[in-house]
Amino acid sequence: HCPLLPNPSFCMYICISICICKDSGLIQTRGKNREYMDLIIADAIIQFYRDMCAHHNVHDHSIQITKVEEIIASKCYRPAVKQFHDSKIKFLLQHRVLCHQHKSCFITKRLNAFF
């Protein structure tokens, strides 16, 4: 069972401390911390494993998680997490093109994909 926040509309900032065991069997005990933003700690750990396997070419069986903790926003250092700290953040509409089944064959007006 994974603990949820009382109000799941707000994200937690989660810091994961790790050790990486390489193929030679030696454990690198560098203090490596990763930050993720999610509603549930388990989902943040899934993000962590996918990130490490994709970007750092590390297998999941060679990663040891030493500590998982929730941190406050002012303690975050990762730019991918810090960019969402702005309370007035805006997400602009993307370039939208209708899919084939929703397009009509003959129209009297030119399409507008930018809004």
PDB file of N, CA and C in Angstrom:
ATOM      1  N   HIS A   1       0.845  -1.172   0.000  1.00  0.00           N
ATOM      2  CA  HIS A   1       0.000   0.000   0.000  1.00  0.00           C
ATOM      3  C   HIS A   1       0.891   1.235   0.000  1.00  0.00           C
ATOM      4  N   CYS A   2       0.610   2.164  -0.906  1.00  0.00           N
ATOM      5  CA  CYS A   2       1.411   3.380  -1.029  1.00  0.00           C
ATOM      6  C   CYS A   2       0.690   4.538  -0.351  1.00  0.00           C
ATOM      7  N   PRO A   3       1.403   5.324   0.434  1.00  0.00           N
ATOM      8  CA  PRO A   3       0.741   6.452   1.098  1.00  0.00           C
ATOM      9  C   PRO A   3       0.407   7.556   0.105  1.00  0.00           C
ATOM     10  N   LEU A   4      -0.802   8.080   0.190  1.00  0.00           N
ATOM     11  CA  LEU A   4      -1.237   9.192  -0.644  1.00  0.00           C
ATOM     12  C   LEU A   4      -1.246  10.463   0.189  1.00  0.00           C
ATOM     13  N   LEU A   5      -1.173  11.580  -0.495  1.00  0.00           N
ATOM     14  CA  LEU A   5      -1.316  12.852   0.196  1.00  0.00           C
ATOM     15  C   LEU A   5      -2.773  13.071   0.573  1.00  0.00           C
ATOM     16  N   PRO A   6      -3.040  13.899   1.585  1.00  0.00           N
ATOM     17  CA  PRO A   6      -4.427  14.207   1.914  1.00  0.00           C
ATOM     18  C   PRO A   6      -5.151  14.889   0.755  1.00  0.00           C
ATOM     19  N   ASN A   7      -4.441  15.727   0.005  1.00  0.00           N
ATOM     20  CA  ASN A   7      -5.014  16.379  -1.161  1.00  0.00           C
ATOM     21  C   ASN A   7      -4.172  15.983  -2.370  1.00  0.00           C
ATOM     22  N   PRO A   8      -4.624  15.037  -3.191  1.00  0.00           N
ATOM     23  CA  PRO A   8      -3.773  14.548  -4.274  1.00  0.00           C
ATOM     24  C   PRO A   8      -3.641  15.502  -5.457  1.00  0.00           C
ATOM     25  N   SER A   9      -4.096  16.753  -5.325  1.00  0.00           N
ATOM     26  CA  SER A   9      -3.900  17.705  -6.414  1.00  0.00           C
ATOM     27  C   SER A   9      -2.558  18.424  -6.289  1.00  0.00           C
ATOM     28  N   PHE A  10      -1.824  18.191  -5.208  1.00  0.00           N
ATOM     29  CA  PHE A  10      -0.510  18.792  -5.021  1.00  0.00           C
ATOM     30  C   PHE A  10       0.559  17.712  -5.082  1.00  0.00           C
ATOM     31  N   CYS A  11       1.674  18.038  -5.705  1.00  0.00           N
ATOM     32  CA  CYS A  11       2.763  17.079  -5.868  1.00  0.00           C
ATOM     33  C   CYS A  11       3.747  17.176  -4.717  1.00  0.00           C
ATOM     34  N   MET A  12       4.401  16.049  -4.453  1.00  0.00           N
ATOM     35  CA  MET A  12       5.495  16.007  -3.495  1.00  0.00           C
ATOM     36  C   MET A  12       6.800  16.117  -4.264  1.00  0.00           C
ATOM     37  N   TYR A  13       7.801  16.669  -3.621  1.00  0.00           N
ATOM     38  CA  TYR A  13       9.153  16.655  -4.155  1.00  0.00           C
ATOM     39  C   TYR A  13       9.890  15.558  -3.408  1.00  0.00           C
ATOM     40  N   ILE A  14      10.349  14.550  -4.137  1.00  0.00           N
ATOM     41  CA  ILE A  14      10.915  13.358  -3.526  1.00  0.00           C
ATOM     42  C   ILE A  14      12.377  13.245  -3.912  1.00  0.00           C
ATOM     43  N   CYS A  15      13.240  13.076  -2.919  1.00  0.00           N
ATOM     44  CA  CYS A  15      14.676  12.917  -3.130  1.00  0.00           C
ATOM     45  C   CYS A  15      15.034  11.453  -2.875  1.00  0.00           C
ATOM     46  N   ILE A  16      15.717  10.835  -3.841  1.00  0.00           N
ATOM     47  CA  ILE A  16      16.109   9.435  -3.745  1.00  0.00           C
ATOM     48  C   ILE A  16      17.625   9.370  -3.723  1.00  0.00           C
ATOM     49  N   SER A  17      18.198   8.800  -2.662  1.00  0.00           N
ATOM     50  CA  SER A  17      19.646   8.607  -2.552  1.00  0.00           C
ATOM     51  C   SER A  17      19.973   7.184  -2.978  1.00  0.00           C
ATOM     52  N   ILE A  18      21.057   7.031  -3.764  1.00  0.00           N
ATOM     53  CA  ILE A  18      21.344   5.716  -4.338  1.00  0.00           C
ATOM     54  C   ILE A  18      22.821   5.367  -4.253  1.00  0.00           C
ATOM     55  N   CYS A  19      23.112   4.078  -4.413  1.00  0.00           N
ATOM     56  CA  CYS A  19      24.447   3.542  -4.678  1.00  0.00           C
ATOM     57  C   CYS A  19      24.329   2.695  -5.936  1.00  0.00           C
ATOM     58  N   ILE A  20      25.342   2.742  -6.787  1.00  0.00           N
ATOM     59  CA  ILE A  20      25.329   1.975  -8.026  1.00  0.00           C
ATOM     60  C   ILE A  20      26.411   0.913  -7.957  1.00  0.00           C
ATOM     61  N   CYS A  21      26.043  -0.330  -8.210  1.00  0.00           N
ATOM     62  CA  CYS A  21      26.986  -1.447  -8.231  1.00  0.00           C
ATOM     63  C   CYS A  21      27.301  -1.752  -9.695  1.00  0.00           C
ATOM     64  N   LYS A  22      28.550  -1.598 -10.091  1.00  0.00           N
ATOM     65  CA  LYS A  22      28.953  -1.837 -11.479  1.00  0.00           C
ATOM     66  C   LYS A  22      29.178  -3.328 -11.725  1.00  0.00           C
ATOM     67  N   ASP A  23      29.516  -3.686 -12.956  1.00  0.00           N
ATOM     68  CA  ASP A  23      29.702  -5.084 -13.336  1.00  0.00           C
ATOM     69  C   ASP A  23      30.853  -5.750 -12.591  1.00  0.00           C
ATOM     70  N   SER A  24      31.841  -4.976 -12.177  1.00  0.00           N
ATOM     71  CA  SER A  24      32.987  -5.559 -11.487  1.00  0.00           C
ATOM     72  C   SER A  24      32.657  -5.948 -10.049  1.00  0.00           C
ATOM     73  N   GLY A  25      31.491  -5.568  -9.549  1.00  0.00           N
ATOM     74  CA  GLY A  25      31.099  -5.914  -8.193  1.00  0.00           C
ATOM     75  C   GLY A  25      31.412  -4.834  -7.179  1.00  0.00           C
ATOM     76  N   LEU A  26      32.099  -3.777  -7.596  1.00  0.00           N
ATOM     77  CA  LEU A  26      32.424  -2.690  -6.678  1.00  0.00           C
ATOM     78  C   LEU A  26      31.235  -1.755  -6.547  1.00  0.00           C
ATOM     79  N   ILE A  27      31.000  -1.296  -5.352  1.00  0.00           N
ATOM     80  CA  ILE A  27      29.901  -0.367  -5.111  1.00  0.00           C
ATOM     81  C   ILE A  27      30.460   1.045  -5.081  1.00  0.00           C
ATOM     82  N   GLN A  28      29.900   1.898  -5.912  1.00  0.00           N
ATOM     83  CA  GLN A  28      30.282   3.305  -5.892  1.00  0.00           C
ATOM     84  C   GLN A  28      29.430   3.985  -4.826  1.00  0.00           C
ATOM     85  N   THR A  29      30.073   4.478  -3.816  1.00  0.00           N
ATOM     86  CA  THR A  29      29.330   5.087  -2.709  1.00  0.00           C
ATOM     87  C   THR A  29      29.308   6.601  -2.825  1.00  0.00           C
ATOM     88  N   ARG A  30      29.372   7.093  -4.053  1.00  0.00           N
ATOM     89  CA  ARG A  30      29.208   8.533  -4.224  1.00  0.00           C
ATOM     90  C   ARG A  30      27.817   8.909  -3.745  1.00  0.00           C
ATOM     91  N   GLY A  31      27.703  10.045  -3.109  1.00  0.00           N
ATOM     92  CA  GLY A  31      26.395  10.507  -2.671  1.00  0.00           C
ATOM     93  C   GLY A  31      25.616  11.018  -3.857  1.00  0.00           C
ATOM     94  N   LYS A  32      24.901  10.144  -4.516  1.00  0.00           N
ATOM     95  CA  LYS A  32      24.143  10.529  -5.694  1.00  0.00           C
ATOM     96  C   LYS A  32      22.681  10.656  -5.300  1.00  0.00           C
ATOM     97  N   ASN A  33      22.120  11.813  -5.531  1.00  0.00           N
ATOM     98  CA  ASN A  33      20.718  12.072  -5.209  1.00  0.00           C
ATOM     99  C   ASN A  33      19.976  12.429  -6.477  1.00  0.00           C
ATOM    100  N   ARG A  34      18.762  11.965  -6.583  1.00  0.00           N
ATOM    101  CA  ARG A  34      17.901  12.296  -7.712  1.00  0.00           C
ATOM    102  C   ARG A  34      16.598  12.844  -7.151  1.00  0.00           C
ATOM    103  N   GLU A  35      16.042  13.842  -7.830  1.00  0.00           N
ATOM    104  CA  GLU A  35      14.788  14.454  -7.390  1.00  0.00           C
ATOM    105  C   GLU A  35      13.701  14.197  -8.413  1.00  0.00           C
ATOM    106  N   TYR A  36      12.530  13.907  -7.916  1.00  0.00           N
ATOM    107  CA  TYR A  36      11.378  13.680  -8.776  1.00  0.00           C
ATOM    108  C   TYR A  36      10.162  14.317  -8.133  1.00  0.00           C
ATOM    109  N   MET A  37       9.180  14.634  -8.968  1.00  0.00           N
ATOM    110  CA  MET A  37       7.959  15.282  -8.510  1.00  0.00           C
ATOM    111  C   MET A  37       6.792  14.361  -8.860  1.00  0.00           C
ATOM    112  N   ASP A  38       6.061  13.912  -7.858  1.00  0.00           N
ATOM    113  CA  ASP A  38       4.944  13.008  -8.109  1.00  0.00           C
ATOM    114  C   ASP A  38       3.983  13.029  -6.926  1.00  0.00           C
ATOM    115  N   LEU A  39       2.809  12.413  -7.118  1.00  0.00           N
ATOM    116  CA  LEU A  39       1.810  12.341  -6.058  1.00  0.00           C
ATOM    117  C   LEU A  39       2.107  11.224  -5.069  1.00  0.00           C
ATOM    118  N   ILE A  40       2.689  10.132  -5.555  1.00  0.00           N
ATOM    119  CA  ILE A  40       2.926   8.947  -4.744  1.00  0.00           C
ATOM    120  C   ILE A  40       4.409   8.610  -4.804  1.00  0.00           C
ATOM    121  N   ILE A  41       4.966   8.146  -3.699  1.00  0.00           N
ATOM    122  CA  ILE A  41       6.385   7.804  -3.648  1.00  0.00           C
ATOM    123  C   ILE A  41       6.695   6.651  -4.596  1.00  0.00           C
ATOM    124  N   ALA A  42       5.795   5.681  -4.703  1.00  0.00           N
ATOM    125  CA  ALA A  42       6.032   4.530  -5.580  1.00  0.00           C
ATOM    126  C   ALA A  42       6.145   4.958  -7.042  1.00  0.00           C
ATOM    127  N   ASP A  43       5.338   5.932  -7.464  1.00  0.00           N
ATOM    128  CA  ASP A  43       5.429   6.418  -8.841  1.00  0.00           C
ATOM    129  C   ASP A  43       6.727   7.172  -9.080  1.00  0.00           C
ATOM    130  N   ALA A  44       7.223   7.865  -8.062  1.00  0.00           N
ATOM    131  CA  ALA A  44       8.506   8.554  -8.195  1.00  0.00           C
ATOM    132  C   ALA A  44       9.648   7.551  -8.334  1.00  0.00           C
ATOM    133  N   ILE A  45       9.555   6.423  -7.647  1.00  0.00           N
ATOM    134  CA  ILE A  45      10.588   5.395  -7.763  1.00  0.00           C
ATOM    135  C   ILE A  45      10.543   4.747  -9.144  1.00  0.00           C
ATOM    136  N   ILE A  46       9.352   4.563  -9.701  1.00  0.00           N
ATOM    137  CA  ILE A  46       9.245   4.046 -11.072  1.00  0.00           C
ATOM    138  C   ILE A  46       9.878   5.022 -12.045  1.00  0.00           C
ATOM    139  N   GLN A  47       9.623   6.327 -11.877  1.00  0.00           N
ATOM    140  CA  GLN A  47      10.276   7.350 -12.713  1.00  0.00           C
ATOM    141  C   GLN A  47      11.785   7.263 -12.589  1.00  0.00           C
ATOM    142  N   PHE A  48      12.261   7.065 -11.377  1.00  0.00           N
ATOM    143  CA  PHE A  48      13.696   6.982 -11.118  1.00  0.00           C
ATOM    144  C   PHE A  48      14.329   5.810 -11.862  1.00  0.00           C
ATOM    145  N   TYR A  49      13.728   4.624 -11.758  1.00  0.00           N
ATOM    146  CA  TYR A  49      14.287   3.459 -12.441  1.00  0.00           C
ATOM    147  C   TYR A  49      14.290   3.644 -13.952  1.00  0.00           C
ATOM    148  N   ARG A  50      13.221   4.204 -14.503  1.00  0.00           N
ATOM    149  CA  ARG A  50      13.161   4.422 -15.954  1.00  0.00           C
ATOM    150  C   ARG A  50      14.195   5.445 -16.397  1.00  0.00           C
ATOM    151  N   ASP A  51      14.400   6.479 -15.589  1.00  0.00           N
ATOM    152  CA  ASP A  51      15.385   7.507 -15.917  1.00  0.00           C
ATOM    153  C   ASP A  51      16.800   6.939 -15.879  1.00  0.00           C
ATOM    154  N   MET A  52      17.109   6.174 -14.852  1.00  0.00           N
ATOM    155  CA  MET A  52      18.457   5.612 -14.727  1.00  0.00           C
ATOM    156  C   MET A  52      18.742   4.594 -15.828  1.00  0.00           C
ATOM    157  N   CYS A  53      17.770   3.757 -16.160  1.00  0.00           N
ATOM    158  CA  CYS A  53      17.975   2.759 -17.205  1.00  0.00           C
ATOM    159  C   CYS A  53      18.083   3.405 -18.580  1.00  0.00           C
ATOM    160  N   ALA A  54      17.329   4.461 -18.818  1.00  0.00           N
ATOM    161  CA  ALA A  54      17.323   5.083 -20.140  1.00  0.00           C
ATOM    162  C   ALA A  54      18.523   5.993 -20.366  1.00  0.00           C
ATOM    163  N   HIS A  55      18.830   6.844 -19.405  1.00  0.00           N
ATOM    164  CA  HIS A  55      19.849   7.860 -19.632  1.00  0.00           C
ATOM    165  C   HIS A  55      21.240   7.484 -19.161  1.00  0.00           C
ATOM    166  N   HIS A  56      21.341   6.574 -18.204  1.00  0.00           N
ATOM    167  CA  HIS A  56      22.649   6.274 -17.627  1.00  0.00           C
ATOM    168  C   HIS A  56      23.113   4.849 -17.895  1.00  0.00           C
ATOM    169  N   ASN A  57      22.330   4.081 -18.649  1.00  0.00           N
ATOM    170  CA  ASN A  57      22.696   2.723 -19.046  1.00  0.00           C
ATOM    171  C   ASN A  57      23.021   1.858 -17.826  1.00  0.00           C
ATOM    172  N   VAL A  58      22.197   1.948 -16.815  1.00  0.00           N
ATOM    173  CA  VAL A  58      22.366   1.175 -15.591  1.00  0.00           C
ATOM    174  C   VAL A  58      21.187   0.217 -15.482  1.00  0.00           C
ATOM    175  N   HIS A  59      21.458  -1.049 -15.211  1.00  0.00           N
ATOM    176  CA  HIS A  59      20.385  -2.025 -15.047  1.00  0.00           C
ATOM    177  C   HIS A  59      19.744  -1.864 -13.673  1.00  0.00           C
ATOM    178  N   ASP A  60      18.475  -2.229 -13.600  1.00  0.00           N
ATOM    179  CA  ASP A  60      17.753  -2.014 -12.346  1.00  0.00           C
ATOM    180  C   ASP A  60      18.264  -2.894 -11.208  1.00  0.00           C
ATOM    181  N   HIS A  61      18.848  -4.065 -11.512  1.00  0.00           N
ATOM    182  CA  HIS A  61      19.344  -4.923 -10.438  1.00  0.00           C
ATOM    183  C   HIS A  61      20.660  -4.418  -9.847  1.00  0.00           C
ATOM    184  N   SER A  62      21.308  -3.456 -10.507  1.00  0.00           N
ATOM    185  CA  SER A  62      22.574  -2.935  -9.984  1.00  0.00           C
ATOM    186  C   SER A  62      22.401  -1.608  -9.240  1.00  0.00           C
ATOM    187  N   ILE A  63      21.160  -1.192  -9.003  1.00  0.00           N
ATOM    188  CA  ILE A  63      20.883   0.057  -8.288  1.00  0.00           C
ATOM    189  C   ILE A  63      20.402  -0.281  -6.885  1.00  0.00           C
ATOM    190  N   GLN A  64      20.996   0.356  -5.900  1.00  0.00           N
ATOM    191  CA  GLN A  64      20.556   0.192  -4.516  1.00  0.00           C
ATOM    192  C   GLN A  64      20.039   1.534  -4.013  1.00  0.00           C
ATOM    193  N   ILE A  65      18.776   1.573  -3.620  1.00  0.00           N
ATOM    194  CA  ILE A  65      18.189   2.791  -3.064  1.00  0.00           C
ATOM    195  C   ILE A  65      18.481   2.802  -1.573  1.00  0.00           C
ATOM    196  N   THR A  66      19.177   3.835  -1.117  1.00  0.00           N
ATOM    197  CA  THR A  66      19.543   3.905   0.296  1.00  0.00           C
ATOM    198  C   THR A  66      18.561   4.731   1.116  1.00  0.00           C
ATOM    199  N   LYS A  67      17.962   5.760   0.507  1.00  0.00           N
ATOM    200  CA  LYS A  67      17.063   6.621   1.280  1.00  0.00           C
ATOM    201  C   LYS A  67      16.077   7.291   0.335  1.00  0.00           C
ATOM    202  N   VAL A  68      14.827   7.369   0.748  1.00  0.00           N
ATOM    203  CA  VAL A  68      13.782   8.079   0.011  1.00  0.00           C
ATOM    204  C   VAL A  68      13.134   9.034   0.992  1.00  0.00           C
ATOM    205  N   GLU A  69      13.115  10.323   0.637  1.00  0.00           N
ATOM    206  CA  GLU A  69      12.519  11.298   1.551  1.00  0.00           C
ATOM    207  C   GLU A  69      11.811  12.395   0.772  1.00  0.00           C
ATOM    208  N   GLU A  70      10.826  12.984   1.423  1.00  0.00           N
ATOM    209  CA  GLU A  70      10.118  14.124   0.845  1.00  0.00           C
ATOM    210  C   GLU A  70      10.866  15.387   1.247  1.00  0.00           C
ATOM    211  N   ILE A  71      11.089  16.274   0.275  1.00  0.00           N
ATOM    212  CA  ILE A  71      11.805  17.512   0.561  1.00  0.00           C
ATOM    213  C   ILE A  71      10.915  18.700   0.227  1.00  0.00           C
ATOM    214  N   ILE A  72      11.256  19.851   0.791  1.00  0.00           N
ATOM    215  CA  ILE A  72      10.490  21.062   0.510  1.00  0.00           C
ATOM    216  C   ILE A  72      11.011  21.692  -0.779  1.00  0.00           C
ATOM    217  N   ALA A  73      10.230  22.599  -1.338  1.00  0.00           N
ATOM    218  CA  ALA A  73      10.549  23.163  -2.649  1.00  0.00           C
ATOM    219  C   ALA A  73      11.847  23.962  -2.648  1.00  0.00           C
ATOM    220  N   SER A  74      12.182  24.604  -1.547  1.00  0.00           N
ATOM    221  CA  SER A  74      13.393  25.428  -1.519  1.00  0.00           C
ATOM    222  C   SER A  74      14.666  24.588  -1.500  1.00  0.00           C
ATOM    223  N   LYS A  75      14.581  23.305  -1.163  1.00  0.00           N
ATOM    224  CA  LYS A  75      15.750  22.425  -1.123  1.00  0.00           C
ATOM    225  C   LYS A  75      16.026  21.743  -2.464  1.00  0.00           C
ATOM    226  N   CYS A  76      15.137  21.913  -3.436  1.00  0.00           N
ATOM    227  CA  CYS A  76      15.323  21.267  -4.741  1.00  0.00           C
ATOM    228  C   CYS A  76      16.469  21.930  -5.492  1.00  0.00           C
ATOM    229  N   TYR A  77      17.239  21.130  -6.216  1.00  0.00           N
ATOM    230  CA  TYR A  77      18.345  21.671  -6.999  1.00  0.00           C
ATOM    231  C   TYR A  77      18.258  21.290  -8.472  1.00  0.00           C
ATOM    232  N   ARG A  78      17.426  20.342  -8.830  1.00  0.00           N
ATOM    233  CA  ARG A  78      17.350  19.870 -10.208  1.00  0.00           C
ATOM    234  C   ARG A  78      16.508  20.834 -11.039  1.00  0.00           C
ATOM    235  N   PRO A  79      17.040  21.329 -12.174  1.00  0.00           N
ATOM    236  CA  PRO A  79      16.295  22.318 -12.970  1.00  0.00           C
ATOM    237  C   PRO A  79      14.973  21.792 -13.521  1.00  0.00           C
ATOM    238  N   ALA A  80      14.894  20.501 -13.822  1.00  0.00           N
ATOM    239  CA  ALA A  80      13.653  19.938 -14.349  1.00  0.00           C
ATOM    240  C   ALA A  80      12.533  19.979 -13.316  1.00  0.00           C
ATOM    241  N   VAL A  81      12.884  19.986 -12.044  1.00  0.00           N
ATOM    242  CA  VAL A  81      11.885  20.071 -10.975  1.00  0.00           C
ATOM    243  C   VAL A  81      11.622  21.528 -10.618  1.00  0.00           C
ATOM    244  N   LYS A  82      12.675  22.355 -10.599  1.00  0.00           N
ATOM    245  CA  LYS A  82      12.540  23.753 -10.178  1.00  0.00           C
ATOM    246  C   LYS A  82      11.708  24.592 -11.139  1.00  0.00           C
ATOM    247  N   GLN A  83      11.631  24.198 -12.413  1.00  0.00           N
ATOM    248  CA  GLN A  83      10.890  25.015 -13.368  1.00  0.00           C
ATOM    249  C   GLN A  83       9.388  25.016 -13.092  1.00  0.00           C
ATOM    250  N   PHE A  84       8.890  24.063 -12.309  1.00  0.00           N
ATOM    251  CA  PHE A  84       7.468  24.008 -11.988  1.00  0.00           C
ATOM    252  C   PHE A  84       7.132  24.669 -10.660  1.00  0.00           C
ATOM    253  N   HIS A  85       8.081  25.352 -10.024  1.00  0.00           N
ATOM    254  CA  HIS A  85       7.814  26.012  -8.747  1.00  0.00           C
ATOM    255  C   HIS A  85       7.042  27.312  -8.915  1.00  0.00           C
ATOM    256  N   ASP A  86       6.985  27.858 -10.113  1.00  0.00           N
ATOM    257  CA  ASP A  86       6.298  29.114 -10.368  1.00  0.00           C
ATOM    258  C   ASP A  86       4.793  28.911 -10.222  1.00  0.00           C
ATOM    259  N   SER A  87       4.142  29.745  -9.433  1.00  0.00           N
ATOM    260  CA  SER A  87       2.701  29.600  -9.236  1.00  0.00           C
ATOM    261  C   SER A  87       1.900  30.137 -10.415  1.00  0.00           C
ATOM    262  N   LYS A  88       2.522  30.931 -11.271  1.00  0.00           N
ATOM    263  CA  LYS A  88       1.817  31.508 -12.416  1.00  0.00           C
ATOM    264  C   LYS A  88       2.266  30.853 -13.720  1.00  0.00           C
ATOM    265  N   ILE A  89       2.609  29.579 -13.669  1.00  0.00           N
ATOM    266  CA  ILE A  89       3.081  28.879 -14.857  1.00  0.00           C
ATOM    267  C   ILE A  89       1.921  28.699 -15.835  1.00  0.00           C
ATOM    268  N   LYS A  90       2.212  28.848 -17.127  1.00  0.00           N
ATOM    269  CA  LYS A  90       1.195  28.713 -18.158  1.00  0.00           C
ATOM    270  C   LYS A  90       1.652  27.678 -19.171  1.00  0.00           C
ATOM    271  N   PHE A  91       0.724  26.871 -19.620  1.00  0.00           N
ATOM    272  CA  PHE A  91       0.992  25.898 -20.664  1.00  0.00           C
ATOM    273  C   PHE A  91       0.237  26.349 -21.906  1.00  0.00           C
ATOM    274  N   LEU A  92       0.973  26.744 -22.919  1.00  0.00           N
ATOM    275  CA  LEU A  92       0.357  27.242 -24.133  1.00  0.00           C
ATOM    276  C   LEU A  92      -0.233  26.093 -24.938  1.00  0.00           C
ATOM    277  N   LEU A  93      -1.254  26.407 -25.737  1.00  0.00           N
ATOM    278  CA  LEU A  93      -1.854  25.386 -26.585  1.00  0.00           C
ATOM    279  C   LEU A  93      -0.879  24.996 -27.689  1.00  0.00           C
ATOM    280  N   GLN A  94      -0.875  23.747 -28.009  1.00  0.00           N
ATOM    281  CA  GLN A  94       0.042  23.228 -29.016  1.00  0.00           C
ATOM    282  C   GLN A  94      -0.547  23.385 -30.413  1.00  0.00           C
ATOM    283  N   HIS A  95       0.280  23.108 -31.411  1.00  0.00           N
ATOM    284  CA  HIS A  95      -0.150  23.070 -32.805  1.00  0.00           C
ATOM    285  C   HIS A  95      -1.061  21.858 -32.969  1.00  0.00           C
ATOM    286  N   ARG A  96      -2.342  22.120 -33.235  1.00  0.00           N
ATOM    287  CA  ARG A  96      -3.305  21.023 -33.287  1.00  0.00           C
ATOM    288  C   ARG A  96      -3.789  20.802 -34.712  1.00  0.00           C
ATOM    289  N   VAL A  97      -3.730  19.571 -35.153  1.00  0.00           N
ATOM    290  CA  VAL A  97      -4.231  19.185 -36.466  1.00  0.00           C
ATOM    291  C   VAL A  97      -5.262  18.094 -36.240  1.00  0.00           C
ATOM    292  N   LEU A  98      -6.413  18.223 -36.892  1.00  0.00           N
ATOM    293  CA  LEU A  98      -7.463  17.229 -36.715  1.00  0.00           C
ATOM    294  C   LEU A  98      -7.055  15.898 -37.330  1.00  0.00           C
ATOM    295  N   CYS A  99      -7.443  14.819 -36.675  1.00  0.00           N
ATOM    296  CA  CYS A  99      -7.155  13.508 -37.254  1.00  0.00           C
ATOM    297  C   CYS A  99      -8.129  13.241 -38.403  1.00  0.00           C
ATOM    298  N   HIS A 100      -7.814  12.247 -39.193  1.00  0.00           N
ATOM    299  CA  HIS A 100      -8.512  12.000 -40.449  1.00  0.00           C
ATOM    300  C   HIS A 100     -10.007  11.750 -40.255  1.00  0.00           C
ATOM    301  N   GLN A 101     -10.402  11.055 -39.213  1.00  0.00           N
ATOM    302  CA  GLN A 101     -11.812  10.709 -39.061  1.00  0.00           C
ATOM    303  C   GLN A 101     -12.674  11.907 -38.673  1.00  0.00           C
ATOM    304  N   HIS A 102     -12.082  12.986 -38.168  1.00  0.00           N
ATOM    305  CA  HIS A 102     -12.862  14.157 -37.781  1.00  0.00           C
ATOM    306  C   HIS A 102     -12.837  15.259 -38.837  1.00  0.00           C
ATOM    307  N   LYS A 103     -12.066  15.077 -39.897  1.00  0.00           N
ATOM    308  CA  LYS A 103     -12.013  16.078 -40.958  1.00  0.00           C
ATOM    309  C   LYS A 103     -13.157  15.858 -41.937  1.00  0.00           C
ATOM    310  N   SER A 104     -13.713  16.929 -42.419  1.00  0.00           N
ATOM    311  CA  SER A 104     -14.707  16.792 -43.477  1.00  0.00           C
ATOM    312  C   SER A 104     -14.015  16.948 -44.829  1.00  0.00           C
ATOM    313  N   CYS A 105     -14.601  16.369 -45.848  1.00  0.00           N
ATOM    314  CA  CYS A 105     -13.966  16.388 -47.174  1.00  0.00           C
ATOM    315  C   CYS A 105     -14.009  17.778 -47.797  1.00  0.00           C
ATOM    316  N   PHE A 106     -15.144  18.440 -47.692  1.00  0.00           N
ATOM    317  CA  PHE A 106     -15.304  19.739 -48.324  1.00  0.00           C
ATOM    318  C   PHE A 106     -15.658  20.770 -47.259  1.00  0.00           C
ATOM    319  N   ILE A 107     -14.863  21.823 -47.168  1.00  0.00           N
ATOM    320  CA  ILE A 107     -15.139  22.864 -46.187  1.00  0.00           C
ATOM    321  C   ILE A 107     -15.127  24.216 -46.880  1.00  0.00           C
ATOM    322  N   THR A 108     -15.790  25.183 -46.275  1.00  0.00           N
ATOM    323  CA  THR A 108     -15.882  26.509 -46.868  1.00  0.00           C
ATOM    324  C   THR A 108     -14.907  27.482 -46.237  1.00  0.00           C
ATOM    325  N   LYS A 109     -14.148  27.033 -45.261  1.00  0.00           N
ATOM    326  CA  LYS A 109     -13.251  27.903 -44.528  1.00  0.00           C
ATOM    327  C   LYS A 109     -11.890  27.220 -44.395  1.00  0.00           C
ATOM    328  N   ARG A 110     -10.824  28.010 -44.471  1.00  0.00           N
ATOM    329  CA  ARG A 110      -9.482  27.455 -44.334  1.00  0.00           C
ATOM    330  C   ARG A 110      -9.246  26.998 -42.892  1.00  0.00           C
ATOM    331  N   LEU A 111      -8.515  25.884 -42.730  1.00  0.00           N
ATOM    332  CA  LEU A 111      -8.228  25.375 -41.398  1.00  0.00           C
ATOM    333  C   LEU A 111      -7.260  26.289 -40.670  1.00  0.00           C
ATOM    334  N   ASN A 112      -7.410  26.392 -39.367  1.00  0.00           N
ATOM    335  CA  ASN A 112      -6.505  27.160 -38.533  1.00  0.00           C
ATOM    336  C   ASN A 112      -5.972  26.227 -37.452  1.00  0.00           C
ATOM    337  N   ALA A 113      -4.680  25.921 -37.512  1.00  0.00           N
ATOM    338  CA  ALA A 113      -4.099  24.988 -36.550  1.00  0.00           C
ATOM    339  C   ALA A 113      -3.432  25.704 -35.380  1.00  0.00           C
ATOM    340  N   PHE A 114      -3.283  27.026 -35.445  1.00  0.00           N
ATOM    341  CA  PHE A 114      -2.634  27.777 -34.372  1.00  0.00           C
ATOM    342  C   PHE A 114      -3.682  28.558 -33.604  1.00  0.00           C
ATOM    343  N   PHE A 115      -3.638  28.458 -32.281  1.00  0.00           N
ATOM    344  CA  PHE A 115      -4.632  29.132 -31.444  1.00  0.00           C
ATOM    345  C   PHE A 115      -3.953  30.045 -30.472  1.00  0.00           C
TER     346      PHE A 115
END
